[in-house]
Protein backbone atom coordinates (compact mmCIF):
# COMPACT_ATOMS: atom_id res chain seq x y z
CA UNK A 1 114.38 -46.88 -150.61
CA UNK A 2 113.62 -48.26 -148.10
CA UNK A 3 115.55 -47.33 -145.09
CA UNK A 4 115.47 -51.09 -143.26
CA UNK A 5 116.48 -51.87 -139.99
CA UNK A 6 116.97 -55.73 -139.01
CA UNK A 7 116.34 -57.61 -136.25
CA UNK A 8 119.22 -60.08 -134.65
CA UNK A 9 118.25 -63.47 -134.07
CA UNK A 10 118.04 -64.87 -131.06
CA UNK A 11 116.89 -69.00 -129.99
CA UNK A 12 115.43 -67.73 -127.19
CA UNK A 13 114.47 -64.49 -125.41
CA UNK A 14 116.07 -63.52 -122.58
CA UNK A 15 114.05 -61.25 -119.88
CA UNK A 16 116.56 -58.18 -119.97
CA UNK A 17 117.28 -57.21 -116.35
CA UNK A 18 118.59 -61.49 -115.84
CA UNK A 19 120.54 -61.74 -118.40
CA UNK A 20 123.35 -60.19 -117.61
CA UNK A 21 123.29 -63.09 -114.61
CA UNK A 22 122.53 -65.63 -116.25
CA UNK A 23 126.46 -67.06 -115.81
CA UNK A 24 126.42 -66.20 -112.23
CA UNK A 25 122.07 -68.34 -112.79
CA UNK A 26 123.77 -70.99 -114.38
CA UNK A 27 126.04 -71.97 -111.43
CA UNK A 28 123.95 -71.38 -108.87
CA UNK A 29 121.55 -73.69 -110.43
CA UNK A 30 124.92 -75.76 -110.00
CA UNK A 31 125.50 -74.97 -107.17
CA UNK A 32 121.88 -76.75 -105.40
CA UNK A 33 121.67 -79.63 -107.92
CA UNK A 34 125.14 -80.84 -106.59
CA UNK A 35 123.18 -80.04 -102.75
CA UNK A 36 120.46 -82.97 -103.84
CA UNK A 37 122.10 -85.22 -106.21
CA UNK A 38 120.54 -88.41 -105.89
CA UNK A 39 117.12 -88.09 -104.18
CA UNK A 40 114.23 -87.66 -106.35
CA UNK A 41 114.29 -83.84 -107.27
CA UNK A 42 117.55 -83.43 -109.07
CA UNK A 43 115.32 -82.05 -111.96
CA UNK A 44 114.14 -79.41 -110.09
CA UNK A 45 115.42 -76.67 -112.34
CA UNK A 46 114.09 -78.25 -115.67
CA UNK A 47 117.28 -80.52 -115.65
CA UNK A 48 120.24 -79.34 -116.26
CA UNK A 49 120.75 -81.41 -118.68
CA UNK A 50 118.01 -79.50 -121.07
CA UNK A 51 119.59 -75.76 -119.58
CA UNK A 52 122.66 -77.57 -121.47
CA UNK A 53 121.09 -78.31 -124.72
CA UNK A 54 118.95 -75.31 -125.42
CA UNK A 55 122.43 -73.39 -124.58
CA UNK A 56 123.40 -74.89 -127.60
CA UNK A 57 120.90 -74.02 -129.62
CA UNK A 58 121.10 -70.46 -128.03
CA UNK A 59 123.30 -67.37 -130.14
CA UNK A 60 124.47 -65.93 -126.60
CA UNK A 61 127.47 -66.06 -125.03
CA UNK A 62 126.74 -68.24 -122.55
CA UNK A 63 129.45 -70.38 -121.47
CA UNK A 64 129.88 -72.79 -119.04
CA UNK A 65 133.16 -75.14 -117.67
CA UNK A 66 133.24 -78.15 -118.37
CA UNK A 67 133.53 -79.84 -114.40
CA UNK A 68 130.00 -77.79 -113.58
CA UNK A 69 128.40 -79.30 -117.29
CA UNK A 70 129.99 -82.34 -116.11
CA UNK A 71 128.53 -82.67 -112.28
CA UNK A 72 125.10 -81.60 -113.36
CA UNK A 73 124.81 -83.92 -115.62
CA UNK A 74 125.99 -86.45 -113.64
CA UNK A 75 122.94 -85.16 -110.63
CA UNK A 76 120.42 -85.15 -113.97
CA UNK A 77 121.86 -88.85 -114.60
CA UNK A 78 121.66 -90.14 -111.85
CA UNK A 79 117.32 -89.83 -111.22
CA UNK A 80 115.59 -92.67 -112.84
CA UNK A 81 112.80 -90.67 -116.14
CA UNK A 82 109.28 -92.10 -114.46
CA UNK A 83 108.11 -93.11 -117.54
CA UNK A 84 110.11 -94.47 -120.69
CA UNK A 85 107.37 -93.92 -123.02
CA UNK A 86 107.72 -91.22 -125.42
CA UNK A 87 106.31 -87.69 -124.94
CA UNK A 88 103.85 -88.30 -128.08
CA UNK A 89 102.32 -91.13 -127.39
CA UNK A 90 102.64 -90.89 -122.98
CA UNK A 91 101.68 -87.06 -122.53
CA UNK A 92 98.13 -85.33 -123.81
CA UNK A 93 97.88 -81.52 -123.33
CA UNK A 94 94.78 -79.56 -122.61
CA UNK A 95 94.67 -75.48 -124.32
CA UNK A 96 92.75 -72.28 -122.55
CA UNK A 97 90.48 -70.69 -125.18
CA UNK A 98 87.57 -69.73 -123.31
CA UNK A 99 87.90 -66.80 -121.01
CA UNK A 100 86.15 -63.65 -122.61
CA UNK A 101 89.15 -61.95 -122.40
CA UNK A 102 87.79 -58.35 -121.52
CA UNK A 103 90.07 -56.48 -120.42
CA UNK A 104 91.58 -56.88 -124.45
CA UNK A 105 87.93 -55.41 -125.39
CA UNK A 106 87.84 -54.12 -127.62
CA UNK A 107 90.15 -56.94 -129.46
CA UNK A 108 87.16 -58.71 -128.09
CA UNK A 109 84.78 -57.74 -129.50
CA UNK A 110 84.37 -60.33 -131.55
CA UNK A 111 86.60 -62.66 -131.61
CA UNK A 112 87.86 -64.71 -128.33
CA UNK A 113 91.04 -64.04 -126.40
CA UNK A 114 93.25 -66.77 -127.87
CA UNK A 115 91.82 -66.18 -131.39
CA UNK A 116 94.08 -62.35 -131.64
CA UNK A 117 96.82 -61.66 -133.94
CA UNK A 118 100.11 -61.00 -132.48
CA UNK A 119 102.84 -59.65 -134.30
CA UNK A 120 102.40 -59.66 -137.99
CA UNK A 121 101.01 -63.07 -138.40
CA UNK A 122 100.60 -64.86 -135.35
CA UNK A 123 97.55 -65.77 -133.47
CA UNK A 124 97.79 -65.54 -129.61
CA UNK A 125 96.73 -69.70 -130.20
CA UNK A 126 99.75 -70.50 -132.51
CA UNK A 127 101.66 -69.88 -129.28
CA UNK A 128 100.89 -72.57 -127.27
CA UNK A 129 100.60 -75.24 -130.38
CA UNK A 130 103.24 -74.83 -131.45
CA UNK A 131 105.35 -75.08 -127.86
CA UNK A 132 103.33 -78.40 -128.16
CA UNK A 133 104.38 -79.18 -131.04
CA UNK A 134 107.88 -78.97 -130.98
CA UNK A 135 107.75 -80.36 -127.93
CA UNK A 136 106.89 -83.63 -129.24
CA UNK A 137 103.11 -83.47 -127.63
CA UNK A 138 100.67 -83.58 -130.67
CA UNK A 139 97.58 -85.36 -128.35
CA UNK A 140 95.69 -81.21 -128.03
CA UNK A 141 92.68 -80.36 -127.39
CA UNK A 142 91.87 -76.47 -126.97
CA UNK A 143 88.68 -75.67 -125.01
CA UNK A 144 86.21 -72.79 -126.10
CA UNK A 145 83.78 -70.87 -124.94
CA UNK A 146 83.72 -67.16 -125.53
CA UNK A 147 83.52 -65.51 -129.84
CA UNK A 148 85.21 -68.60 -130.53
CA UNK A 149 84.03 -69.03 -134.71
CA UNK A 150 87.01 -66.89 -136.05
CA UNK A 151 89.76 -69.21 -133.41
CA UNK A 152 87.70 -72.73 -134.44
CA UNK A 153 87.95 -71.41 -138.19
CA UNK A 154 92.25 -70.58 -137.54
CA UNK A 155 92.44 -74.14 -136.01
CA UNK A 156 91.16 -76.44 -138.62
CA UNK A 157 93.01 -73.59 -141.44
CA UNK A 158 96.71 -73.78 -140.01
CA UNK A 159 96.30 -77.55 -137.75
CA UNK A 160 94.80 -79.92 -140.40
CA UNK A 161 95.21 -83.93 -139.34
CA UNK A 162 98.28 -84.83 -141.29
CA UNK A 163 100.24 -81.39 -138.97
CA UNK A 164 99.95 -84.00 -136.30
CA UNK A 165 100.43 -86.75 -137.42
CA UNK A 166 98.31 -90.82 -137.52
CA UNK A 167 98.10 -91.19 -133.52
CA UNK A 168 98.11 -87.58 -132.91
CA UNK A 169 95.20 -84.62 -132.99
CA UNK A 170 93.70 -81.38 -132.65
CA UNK A 171 90.02 -81.10 -131.84
CA UNK A 172 88.22 -77.99 -130.34
CA UNK A 173 86.12 -79.08 -127.29
CA UNK A 174 83.44 -75.75 -127.05
CA UNK A 175 81.18 -74.95 -124.09
CA UNK A 176 78.08 -77.49 -124.51
CA UNK A 177 74.62 -78.35 -122.20
CA UNK A 178 74.41 -81.86 -121.41
CA UNK A 179 71.41 -83.92 -119.82
CA UNK A 180 73.45 -83.87 -116.55
CA UNK A 181 75.50 -80.57 -116.60
CA UNK A 182 73.43 -77.44 -117.42
CA UNK A 183 75.62 -75.26 -117.07
CA UNK A 184 78.72 -73.02 -119.40
CA UNK A 185 82.20 -73.06 -118.35
CA UNK A 186 82.71 -71.72 -114.44
CA UNK A 187 86.91 -71.64 -114.72
CA UNK A 188 89.54 -72.75 -115.55
CA UNK A 189 89.03 -76.66 -113.21
CA UNK A 190 85.43 -76.40 -114.31
CA UNK A 191 85.93 -76.51 -118.08
CA UNK A 192 88.47 -79.55 -118.30
CA UNK A 193 86.22 -81.49 -114.86
CA UNK A 194 83.85 -81.36 -118.05
CA UNK A 195 85.89 -83.62 -120.81
CA UNK A 196 87.22 -85.32 -118.21
CA UNK A 197 85.76 -88.51 -119.00
CA UNK A 198 87.65 -87.96 -122.48
CA UNK A 199 91.10 -88.75 -120.52
CA UNK A 200 90.21 -92.51 -119.85
CA UNK A 201 88.60 -92.53 -124.16
CA UNK A 202 90.86 -95.67 -125.34
CA UNK A 203 92.84 -93.27 -127.62
CA UNK A 204 93.98 -91.49 -124.13
CA UNK A 205 95.17 -95.35 -122.89
CA UNK A 206 97.96 -94.08 -122.86
CA UNK A 207 98.38 -90.46 -121.51
CA UNK A 208 100.13 -90.77 -118.14
CA UNK A 209 100.14 -87.04 -118.28
CA UNK A 210 98.26 -84.16 -118.56
CA UNK A 211 100.00 -80.64 -119.72
CA UNK A 212 97.32 -77.19 -118.86
CA UNK A 213 98.17 -74.80 -121.16
CA UNK A 214 97.28 -71.23 -121.86
CA UNK A 215 96.43 -69.70 -124.77
CA UNK A 216 96.72 -66.14 -124.12
CA UNK A 217 100.78 -65.71 -122.74
CA UNK A 218 103.66 -64.92 -125.43
CA UNK A 219 106.56 -67.17 -124.97
CA UNK A 220 108.80 -70.17 -127.12
CA UNK A 221 109.28 -72.62 -123.81
CA UNK A 222 110.61 -76.31 -123.89
CA UNK A 223 107.54 -78.50 -122.47
CA UNK A 224 110.06 -81.90 -123.17
CA UNK A 225 111.57 -80.03 -119.40
CA UNK A 226 109.46 -79.35 -117.81
CA UNK A 227 107.67 -83.06 -117.98
CA UNK A 228 111.46 -84.51 -116.77
CA UNK A 229 110.45 -82.42 -114.16
CA UNK A 230 107.42 -83.29 -113.21
CA UNK A 231 108.39 -87.18 -113.46
CA UNK A 232 111.92 -86.96 -112.06
CA UNK A 233 110.79 -86.07 -108.77
CA UNK A 234 107.39 -88.00 -108.55
CA UNK A 235 105.14 -85.21 -108.40
CA UNK A 236 101.64 -85.04 -108.57
CA UNK A 237 101.38 -81.54 -109.48
CA UNK A 238 103.70 -79.77 -111.43
CA UNK A 239 103.65 -76.04 -111.88
CA UNK A 240 106.18 -73.09 -114.01
CA UNK A 241 107.57 -70.46 -112.17
CA UNK A 242 109.93 -67.37 -112.67
CA UNK A 243 110.87 -64.10 -109.93
CA UNK A 244 108.66 -61.70 -109.81
CA UNK A 245 108.84 -57.95 -108.67
CA UNK A 246 106.61 -56.00 -106.45
CA UNK A 247 104.46 -54.29 -109.29
CA UNK A 248 102.55 -56.73 -111.11
CA UNK A 249 102.50 -59.77 -107.98
CA UNK A 250 99.72 -59.16 -107.27
CA UNK A 251 98.18 -60.58 -111.05
CA UNK A 252 99.50 -63.76 -110.45
CA UNK A 253 99.39 -67.08 -108.50
CA UNK A 254 102.65 -66.88 -105.56
CA UNK A 255 104.54 -69.69 -104.22
CA UNK A 256 107.08 -70.70 -101.43
CA UNK A 257 108.76 -73.48 -102.12
CA UNK A 258 110.93 -75.34 -99.72
CA UNK A 259 115.24 -76.49 -100.93
CA UNK A 260 114.50 -79.15 -102.71
CA UNK A 261 111.78 -77.28 -104.91
CA UNK A 262 108.95 -78.63 -103.05
CA UNK A 263 106.01 -76.18 -103.21
CA UNK A 264 104.74 -75.93 -99.88
CA UNK A 265 102.22 -72.52 -99.75
CA UNK A 266 100.03 -71.57 -102.78
CA UNK A 267 98.07 -67.76 -102.41
CA UNK A 268 96.37 -66.55 -105.64
CA UNK A 269 96.40 -62.68 -106.54
CA UNK A 270 97.24 -62.30 -102.54
CA UNK A 271 97.15 -58.83 -102.11
CA UNK A 272 98.09 -56.43 -98.89
CA UNK A 273 99.32 -58.70 -95.79
CA UNK A 274 98.92 -61.34 -98.15
CA UNK A 275 101.13 -59.85 -101.04
CA UNK A 276 104.47 -59.09 -97.89
CA UNK A 277 103.20 -62.73 -96.48
CA UNK A 278 104.29 -64.51 -99.76
CA UNK A 279 107.79 -63.07 -100.40
CA UNK A 280 110.52 -65.75 -100.75
CA UNK A 281 114.19 -65.19 -100.53
CA UNK A 282 114.60 -65.53 -104.50
CA UNK A 283 118.19 -66.73 -104.59
CA UNK A 284 117.48 -70.36 -104.35
CA UNK A 285 116.39 -69.92 -107.74
CA UNK A 286 120.10 -68.36 -109.30
CA UNK A 287 119.23 -65.04 -108.94
CA UNK A 288 122.01 -62.96 -107.56
CA UNK A 289 121.57 -60.99 -104.60
CA UNK A 290 120.32 -56.88 -106.25
CA UNK A 291 117.95 -59.25 -108.30
CA UNK A 292 117.02 -61.18 -106.28
CA UNK A 293 116.33 -57.84 -103.92
CA UNK A 294 113.74 -57.48 -107.13
CA UNK A 295 111.71 -60.01 -107.71
CA UNK A 296 110.85 -61.87 -104.01
CA UNK A 297 108.54 -63.70 -105.12
CA UNK A 298 107.74 -66.57 -106.74
CA UNK A 299 104.31 -66.20 -109.63
CA UNK A 300 102.61 -69.32 -111.21
CA UNK A 301 102.62 -68.66 -115.05
CA UNK A 302 99.38 -70.97 -115.12
CA UNK A 303 101.27 -73.77 -117.02
CA UNK A 304 100.66 -77.10 -115.28
CA UNK A 305 101.40 -80.84 -115.36
CA UNK A 306 99.30 -83.09 -113.39
CA UNK A 307 99.41 -87.01 -113.35
CA UNK A 308 96.54 -88.02 -115.36
CA UNK A 309 94.85 -89.96 -112.36
CA UNK A 310 95.72 -87.42 -110.45
CA UNK A 311 94.02 -84.84 -112.36
CA UNK A 312 90.87 -86.83 -112.41
CA UNK A 313 90.62 -87.02 -108.39
CA UNK A 314 91.08 -83.72 -108.17
CA UNK A 315 88.34 -83.04 -110.13
CA UNK A 316 85.62 -85.26 -109.64
CA UNK A 317 86.33 -86.58 -106.41
CA UNK A 318 88.82 -84.31 -103.89
CA UNK A 319 87.55 -80.94 -105.07
CA UNK A 320 84.53 -82.02 -107.53
CA UNK A 321 82.31 -78.32 -106.65
CA UNK A 322 85.39 -76.07 -107.26
CA UNK A 323 85.56 -74.31 -110.59
CA UNK A 324 89.71 -73.18 -111.38
CA UNK A 325 92.94 -74.23 -110.55
CA UNK A 326 94.98 -71.34 -109.47
CA UNK A 327 92.26 -70.22 -106.27
CA UNK A 328 90.89 -73.42 -105.37
CA UNK A 329 92.09 -76.67 -106.68
CA UNK A 330 96.09 -75.40 -106.22
CA UNK A 331 95.91 -74.99 -102.46
CA UNK A 332 93.72 -76.98 -101.27
CA UNK A 333 96.07 -80.26 -102.97
CA UNK A 334 99.72 -78.10 -101.58
CA UNK A 335 99.21 -79.74 -98.02
CA UNK A 336 99.01 -82.93 -98.96
CA UNK A 337 99.74 -83.83 -102.53
CA UNK A 338 103.56 -83.65 -104.16
CA UNK A 339 103.53 -80.01 -105.81
CA UNK A 340 107.14 -79.69 -107.96
CA UNK A 341 108.14 -75.77 -109.11
CA UNK A 342 109.49 -75.85 -112.71
CA UNK A 343 112.32 -72.64 -112.91
CA UNK A 344 111.46 -70.80 -116.49
CA UNK A 345 114.64 -68.49 -117.11
CA UNK A 346 113.50 -67.31 -120.00
CA UNK A 347 111.56 -64.26 -122.37
CA UNK A 348 107.27 -64.68 -120.66
CA UNK A 349 104.66 -61.50 -121.13
CA UNK A 350 100.76 -62.44 -120.12
CA UNK A 351 98.94 -60.95 -122.82
CA UNK A 352 95.69 -60.13 -120.67
CA UNK A 353 95.69 -56.07 -120.81
CA UNK A 354 95.38 -53.98 -123.25
CA UNK A 355 98.93 -52.23 -122.80
CA UNK A 356 100.37 -55.50 -122.29
CA UNK A 357 99.42 -56.65 -126.08
CA UNK A 358 100.14 -53.35 -127.15
CA UNK A 359 104.07 -53.18 -125.55
CA UNK A 360 104.46 -56.91 -126.02
CA UNK A 361 103.85 -56.40 -130.02
CA UNK A 362 105.99 -53.24 -130.34
CA UNK A 363 109.27 -55.37 -128.93
CA UNK A 364 108.63 -57.82 -131.11
CA UNK A 365 109.94 -55.23 -133.93
CA UNK A 366 112.56 -53.61 -131.39
CA UNK A 367 116.31 -54.50 -131.58
CA UNK A 368 117.15 -56.84 -130.68
CA UNK A 369 113.64 -58.30 -130.05
CA UNK A 370 113.02 -59.59 -125.83
CA UNK A 371 111.02 -62.47 -127.85
CA UNK A 372 112.06 -63.78 -131.36
CA UNK A 373 110.04 -65.03 -134.16
CA UNK A 374 112.96 -66.04 -136.31
CA UNK A 375 113.71 -68.99 -134.94
CA UNK A 376 113.87 -72.42 -137.69
CA UNK A 377 114.56 -75.24 -134.33
CA UNK A 378 111.74 -74.07 -133.45
CA UNK A 379 110.13 -71.98 -135.50
CA UNK A 380 105.92 -70.91 -134.57
CA UNK A 381 103.70 -72.54 -136.87
CA UNK A 382 100.12 -70.87 -138.55
CA UNK A 383 97.87 -70.49 -140.80
CA UNK A 384 99.90 -70.84 -144.17
CA UNK A 385 97.79 -68.57 -146.73
CA UNK A 386 100.27 -68.03 -149.90
CA UNK A 387 100.41 -63.51 -150.59
CA UNK A 388 103.20 -61.55 -152.09
CA UNK A 389 106.01 -61.03 -150.35
CA UNK A 390 105.16 -57.40 -148.82
CA UNK A 391 105.57 -54.55 -151.53
CA UNK A 392 107.36 -51.42 -150.84
CA UNK A 393 107.95 -47.92 -152.09
CA UNK A 394 110.06 -45.59 -151.99
CA UNK A 395 109.63 -45.66 -147.80
CA UNK A 396 112.00 -45.10 -144.23
CA UNK A 397 111.33 -48.35 -142.62
CA UNK A 398 112.82 -48.22 -138.82
CA UNK A 399 112.96 -51.13 -136.33
CA UNK A 400 109.41 -52.64 -138.09
CA UNK A 401 107.74 -55.51 -139.55
CA UNK A 402 105.71 -55.26 -142.30
CA UNK A 403 103.73 -59.11 -143.20
CA UNK A 404 103.53 -60.49 -145.98
CA UNK A 405 100.84 -59.16 -148.30
CA UNK A 406 100.78 -55.20 -147.13
CA UNK A 407 101.63 -52.64 -149.92
CA UNK A 408 103.37 -49.29 -148.70
CA UNK A 409 104.30 -46.26 -150.54
CA UNK A 410 106.07 -43.65 -149.62
CA UNK A 411 105.55 -43.43 -145.80
CA UNK A 412 107.62 -43.46 -142.68
CA UNK A 413 106.96 -46.40 -140.46
CA UNK A 414 109.07 -46.29 -136.94
CA UNK A 415 108.73 -49.07 -134.48
CA UNK A 416 105.29 -50.53 -135.69
CA UNK A 417 103.54 -53.64 -137.01
CA UNK A 418 101.97 -53.57 -140.35
CA UNK A 419 99.75 -56.94 -140.83
CA UNK A 420 98.63 -58.06 -143.23
CA UNK A 421 97.06 -57.57 -146.84
CA UNK A 422 97.70 -53.97 -144.62
CA UNK A 423 97.32 -50.92 -147.24
CA UNK A 424 99.43 -47.21 -146.39
CA UNK A 425 99.16 -44.66 -148.58
CA UNK A 426 101.48 -42.05 -149.51
CA UNK A 427 102.30 -39.35 -147.30
CA UNK A 428 102.01 -41.37 -144.06
CA UNK A 429 103.69 -41.43 -140.74
CA UNK A 430 103.00 -45.24 -138.27
CA UNK A 431 104.90 -44.46 -135.76
CA UNK A 432 105.07 -47.22 -132.87
CA UNK A 433 101.39 -48.68 -133.54
CA UNK A 434 99.76 -51.78 -135.20
CA UNK A 435 98.59 -52.23 -137.83
CA UNK A 436 96.26 -56.31 -137.95
CA UNK A 437 96.18 -55.81 -141.29
CA UNK A 438 92.49 -56.66 -143.70
CA UNK A 439 90.69 -60.04 -144.39
CA UNK A 440 90.36 -59.71 -148.27
CA UNK A 441 92.23 -57.22 -150.43
CA UNK A 442 90.65 -54.22 -152.95
CA UNK A 443 91.50 -53.89 -155.62
CA UNK A 444 92.79 -50.68 -157.08
CA UNK A 445 89.85 -50.09 -159.38
CA UNK A 446 87.73 -50.76 -156.47
CA UNK A 447 89.39 -48.51 -154.76
CA UNK A 448 89.50 -45.97 -156.73
CA UNK A 449 85.34 -46.00 -156.90
CA UNK A 450 85.42 -45.47 -153.61
CA UNK A 451 87.07 -42.72 -153.27
CA UNK A 452 84.79 -41.10 -155.95
CA UNK A 453 81.53 -42.14 -154.42
CA UNK A 454 82.94 -39.93 -151.39
CA UNK A 455 83.37 -43.59 -148.62
CA UNK A 456 86.94 -44.49 -147.73
CA UNK A 457 88.73 -48.13 -148.89
CA UNK A 458 90.70 -50.37 -146.57
CA UNK A 459 94.36 -48.96 -145.03
CA UNK A 460 95.61 -45.88 -144.44
CA UNK A 461 94.41 -43.51 -145.74
CA UNK A 462 97.37 -40.03 -147.47
CA UNK A 463 98.67 -37.71 -145.17
CA UNK A 464 97.17 -39.30 -142.03
CA UNK A 465 99.49 -39.36 -138.85
CA UNK A 466 98.71 -42.41 -136.90
CA UNK A 467 100.36 -43.50 -132.76
CA UNK A 468 100.50 -44.66 -130.10
CA UNK A 469 97.40 -46.85 -131.95
CA UNK A 470 95.61 -50.17 -132.49
CA UNK A 471 93.93 -50.82 -135.82
CA UNK A 472 92.10 -53.88 -135.26
CA UNK A 473 91.07 -55.53 -139.03
CA UNK A 474 89.45 -53.94 -142.21
CA UNK A 475 89.82 -50.91 -140.76
CA UNK A 476 88.78 -47.65 -143.09
CA UNK A 477 90.97 -44.64 -142.59
CA UNK A 478 90.40 -41.66 -144.42
CA UNK A 479 93.06 -39.07 -145.82
CA UNK A 480 94.76 -36.67 -143.49
CA UNK A 481 94.05 -38.50 -139.72
CA UNK A 482 95.80 -37.97 -136.76
CA UNK A 483 95.09 -40.81 -134.32
CA UNK A 484 97.89 -39.96 -131.83
CA UNK A 485 95.80 -38.67 -128.02
CA UNK A 486 97.80 -36.30 -127.74
CA UNK A 487 95.73 -35.27 -125.55
CA UNK A 488 96.87 -38.33 -123.25
CA UNK A 489 92.72 -39.74 -122.52
CA UNK A 490 93.38 -42.47 -120.84
CA UNK A 491 89.63 -43.98 -120.75
CA UNK A 492 86.93 -43.11 -124.00
CA UNK A 493 84.33 -46.18 -125.14
CA UNK A 494 83.38 -44.27 -128.35
CA UNK A 495 82.45 -47.33 -130.29
CA UNK A 496 79.37 -45.16 -132.52
CA UNK A 497 82.94 -43.23 -133.82
CA UNK A 498 84.82 -46.19 -134.63
CA UNK A 499 87.38 -45.90 -131.61
CA UNK A 500 88.13 -47.01 -128.07
CA UNK A 501 90.52 -45.50 -125.56
CA UNK A 502 92.04 -47.92 -122.67
CA UNK A 503 94.96 -47.67 -120.71
CA UNK A 504 95.61 -44.56 -123.54
CA UNK A 505 95.99 -46.62 -126.09
CA UNK A 506 93.40 -45.46 -129.47
CA UNK A 507 91.76 -49.04 -130.60
CA UNK A 508 90.35 -48.36 -134.32
CA UNK A 509 87.79 -50.42 -134.07
CA UNK A 510 87.49 -53.84 -135.72
CA UNK A 511 85.37 -52.52 -139.74
CA UNK A 512 85.47 -49.11 -138.48
CA UNK A 513 85.21 -46.30 -141.48
CA UNK A 514 87.15 -43.13 -139.51
CA UNK A 515 86.71 -40.51 -142.39
CA UNK A 516 88.78 -38.04 -143.72
CA UNK A 517 90.36 -34.93 -141.01
CA UNK A 518 88.85 -36.83 -137.55
CA UNK A 519 91.49 -35.95 -134.52
CA UNK A 520 91.34 -38.31 -131.73
């Protein structure tokens, strides 16, 4: 009998260190809102009414006093919406999916970063796509460049025209050469610039604001709150942000804001003295004094809303040779334009490295998880595969996710992600590992024939031990293998033998074959 440990369903993932301060944070936000009541910046903290709606959906035991809610709601209602046009018609989203993803190599050896599988059944691109649909945004462009075949195939299967309605669309815009532009995408801003002419297309005539998103982040966000902040404050550009600690601050664009939430300084990935210069008192974001001391920076999430006219002007007129939003466009626009900050205080993870990818996946199987896919009100969509349920026989399964079509027999699975069509044979131990699964099944007859010929079928062979490892799709691992990085090697390139070690994490390459008895 399989021993299953269920995960508690949460409507919103909360960053653990700040969870206990949520009531205090909301009270601080209400105080801030009262101070600026009636001004154009009442939407700074994503509109407190939006926070109240989110709280209703959440299963967290957060209680708001009636007076606090009433005061905050009054502040928000005093601001006249900048646009009466529905978001579905007036907002367009551009998802940046063209990065080479070199820090995620070898997972990006044969696919782009947004196409990398996550959580057993999803792709990274499914996160921003689903956030758009759940927020009412159905006009979506996805910009691609490197290794885009897998991503294009997934988008065409998962998001057909019937899923976005009559006026919506999901279109893939690949990097290309034209008579006037012979170069590929040179950066985030250049990628958008090369297709900025589409913003004047007749089907986008009602678009007022453009949301620019990254295809490699893990989070759940209502972009409606984000857009309301942008419109209520009258901002030219709005940047979603969150508090950040010293250890990771230099990996992000950092900003300083005034007491209305207006951005007054922006620096992309500063280091040394430049980093220290970006320290701020983050109690303005609602943190208490202790947490503000731990997270003294305000980091950009790489998620922006632009007025359409402003975006076109910045790309084509004011900064025609600038290639990147974070390092060039935003710092340059900060002095003369209205840049507004929008606080996002839920779970968010930048899936940029093998280590962050691995830990974010394992965190999905924690009890309770830091990010929750099981949200009926705000689901994460993906391609329908019509696979049978997982088959689990005589196994011990603890704090793990076992995906559709998997077959696991007489084994131990602990703190692991078992992907689609995975096959784990008897006597195996899978602990703190991610198996991405397979793109196809092998019949029992095919597997027996392979074994009889001295070959290895897809999956994990009998008696093998896998930990601290990512097993990419269609890998064949033989019997009695031990893949644990027991020696603690940090970096090793051994693609000829079918594996790669980065940041101490072993990755078994896609389609690789690992012989019986191998020790890594």
